[in-house]
Protein backbone atom coordinates (compact mmCIF):
# COMPACT_ATOMS: atom_id res chain seq x y z
CA MET A 1 81.30 1.62 80.12
CA MET A 2 83.18 -0.03 82.99
CA GLU A 3 83.89 -3.67 82.19
CA GLU A 4 84.70 -6.60 84.45
CA MET A 5 85.16 -10.35 84.07
CA ALA A 6 82.71 -12.63 85.90
CA LYS A 7 82.47 -16.39 86.35
CA VAL A 8 79.07 -18.09 86.12
CA ILE A 9 78.10 -19.95 89.27
CA LYS A 10 74.63 -21.09 88.23
CA CYS A 11 71.90 -20.34 85.75
CA ASP A 12 68.20 -20.90 86.49
CA ASP A 13 65.20 -21.43 84.21
CA LYS A 14 63.68 -18.04 85.04
CA GLY A 15 66.30 -16.03 83.14
CA TRP A 16 68.73 -15.20 85.96
CA VAL A 17 72.45 -15.93 85.98
CA THR A 18 74.39 -15.93 89.26
CA VAL A 19 77.97 -14.75 88.78
CA GLU A 20 80.99 -14.03 90.94
CA VAL A 21 83.38 -11.16 90.35
CA GLN A 22 86.85 -10.94 91.89
CA VAL A 23 87.25 -7.52 93.58
CA LYS A 24 90.63 -6.04 92.65
CA ASN A 25 92.69 -3.53 94.57
CA ALA A 26 95.15 -1.04 93.13
CA CYS A 27 98.17 -2.58 94.87
CA SER A 28 98.47 -5.47 92.45
CA HIS A 29 99.13 -3.14 89.50
CA CYS A 30 102.15 -1.20 90.80
CA ASP A 31 105.85 -1.89 90.07
CA ASN A 32 106.88 -0.92 93.62
CA SER A 33 104.84 -3.61 95.34
CA GLU A 34 107.94 -5.31 96.85
CA SER A 35 109.02 -2.20 98.79
CA CYS A 36 105.59 -0.75 99.58
CA GLY A 37 104.05 -1.08 103.05
CA THR A 38 100.54 -0.59 101.70
CA SER A 39 101.03 -3.52 99.34
CA ALA A 40 102.12 -5.74 102.23
CA VAL A 41 99.01 -4.86 104.19
CA ALA A 42 96.75 -5.37 101.16
CA SER A 43 98.26 -8.78 100.39
CA ALA A 44 97.66 -9.92 103.98
CA PHE A 45 93.92 -9.87 103.42
CA SER A 46 92.28 -12.48 101.24
CA PRO A 47 90.86 -11.33 97.91
CA LYS A 48 87.18 -10.46 98.07
CA VAL A 49 84.53 -11.93 95.82
CA GLN A 50 81.15 -10.41 95.03
CA VAL A 51 78.31 -12.73 94.08
CA PHE A 52 75.11 -11.41 92.48
CA SER A 53 72.44 -12.33 89.94
CA ILE A 54 71.74 -10.60 86.65
CA PRO A 55 69.01 -11.14 84.05
CA SER A 56 69.93 -13.05 80.91
CA ASP A 57 68.19 -14.29 77.78
CA ASN A 58 70.79 -17.04 77.26
CA GLN A 59 71.63 -20.14 79.28
CA TYR A 60 75.18 -20.48 80.60
CA GLU A 61 77.00 -23.35 82.27
CA PRO A 62 78.80 -22.99 85.61
CA GLY A 63 82.44 -22.02 85.11
CA GLN A 64 81.91 -20.00 81.94
CA LEU A 65 83.34 -16.48 81.79
CA LEU A 66 81.27 -13.43 80.95
CA ARG A 67 82.29 -9.83 80.36
CA LEU A 68 79.94 -7.53 82.28
CA GLY A 69 79.47 -3.82 81.76
CA LEU A 70 78.16 -0.99 83.92
CA PRO A 71 77.68 2.55 82.57
CA GLU A 72 79.99 5.26 83.96
CA SER A 73 76.95 7.39 84.83
CA VAL A 74 75.98 4.86 87.52
CA ILE A 75 79.45 5.05 89.05
CA LEU A 76 79.43 8.86 88.97
CA LYS A 77 76.01 8.98 90.65
CA ALA A 78 77.24 6.59 93.33
CA ALA A 79 80.33 8.73 93.94
CA VAL A 80 78.18 11.84 94.32
CA LEU A 81 75.92 10.05 96.78
CA ILE A 82 78.78 8.64 98.82
CA TYR A 83 81.14 11.61 98.93
CA LEU A 84 79.51 14.87 97.95
CA LEU A 85 76.08 14.62 99.57
CA PRO A 86 77.37 14.17 103.17
CA LEU A 87 79.89 16.96 102.57
CA LEU A 88 77.09 19.21 101.35
CA GLY A 89 75.05 18.27 104.44
CA LEU A 90 78.00 19.24 106.63
CA PHE A 91 78.18 22.71 105.06
CA VAL A 92 74.41 23.23 105.07
CA GLY A 93 74.20 22.21 108.74
CA ALA A 94 76.98 24.62 109.68
CA GLY A 95 75.47 27.41 107.59
CA LEU A 96 72.00 26.96 109.06
CA ALA A 97 73.36 26.92 112.61
CA THR A 98 75.30 30.12 111.98
CA LEU A 99 72.28 31.79 110.39
CA VAL A 100 69.86 30.79 113.15
CA LEU A 101 72.24 31.76 115.94
CA SER A 102 72.98 35.13 114.35
CA GLN A 103 69.22 35.82 113.99
CA PHE A 104 68.84 35.47 117.76
CA GLN A 105 71.90 37.73 118.24
CA VAL A 106 73.76 34.97 120.02
CA GLU A 107 77.52 34.92 119.75
CA VAL A 108 78.32 32.12 117.30
CA SER A 109 80.96 29.64 118.50
CA ASP A 110 82.40 26.45 117.12
CA LEU A 111 80.88 24.44 119.97
CA GLN A 112 77.42 25.40 118.71
CA VAL A 113 78.09 25.02 114.99
CA ILE A 114 79.98 21.70 114.97
CA PRO A 115 77.09 19.56 116.31
CA ALA A 116 74.71 21.14 113.76
CA ALA A 117 77.23 20.50 110.96
CA LEU A 118 77.66 16.86 112.01
CA THR A 119 73.88 16.45 112.23
CA GLY A 120 73.54 17.83 108.69
CA ALA A 121 76.21 15.43 107.43
CA PHE A 122 74.55 12.49 109.18
CA LEU A 123 71.10 13.32 107.78
CA ALA A 124 72.57 13.69 104.28
CA TRP A 125 74.35 10.35 104.71
CA LEU A 126 71.05 8.68 105.70
CA TYR A 127 69.37 10.12 102.61
CA ALA A 128 72.30 9.04 100.41
CA ARG A 129 72.12 5.51 101.80
CA ARG A 130 68.41 5.26 100.99
CA ALA A 131 68.96 6.70 97.51
CA ALA A 132 71.84 4.25 96.91
CA LYS A 133 69.55 1.31 97.77
CA LYS A 134 67.04 2.52 95.16
CA MET A 135 69.81 3.07 92.61
CA GLU A 136 71.18 -0.42 93.28
CA HIS A 137 67.89 -2.01 92.20
CA THR A 138 67.64 0.02 88.99
CA SER A 139 71.31 -0.18 87.93
CA GLN A 140 72.12 -3.74 86.94
CA PRO A 141 75.25 -4.74 85.02
CA VAL A 142 74.65 -6.11 81.54
CA ILE A 143 76.32 -9.05 79.80
CA LEU A 144 78.51 -7.71 77.03
CA ALA A 145 80.16 -10.92 75.83
CA HIS A 146 80.39 -14.63 76.47
CA LEU A 147 84.06 -15.63 76.73
CA GLY A 148 83.88 -19.40 77.15
CA HIS A 149 85.19 -21.63 79.93
CA THR A 150 88.03 -20.93 82.34
CA LEU A 151 91.31 -22.76 81.90
């Protein structure tokens, strides 16, 4: 389970807690951050904050800290949708173009295959985006622990 700290912004009477989570980047965890150009670029941008609501049976006060958890399976599914599905669409598009062109005994060239491959990748990306929206509604983080108030 992936865990993250969140700060309560508000809690309503309908069982929803609005929290904010500080988005971290990898540059803040390296010992070479003083001499790294990537770290300098990353520190130039302000830290990002995500705000969202999650269901809760308990009432919390603004400013309290919660530990949230999200199963690894959700993250793996998202990675497959984002990275592998468009790549698969690229290969399927190129393969189909090659197969169709060879059936008509046309000389297959890159100028004919590349647009079909890009179209396959784009269509797979559109499908992945729609599937990610559905997955986003069904995959909510859960509250693992109440940690008290911030200092």
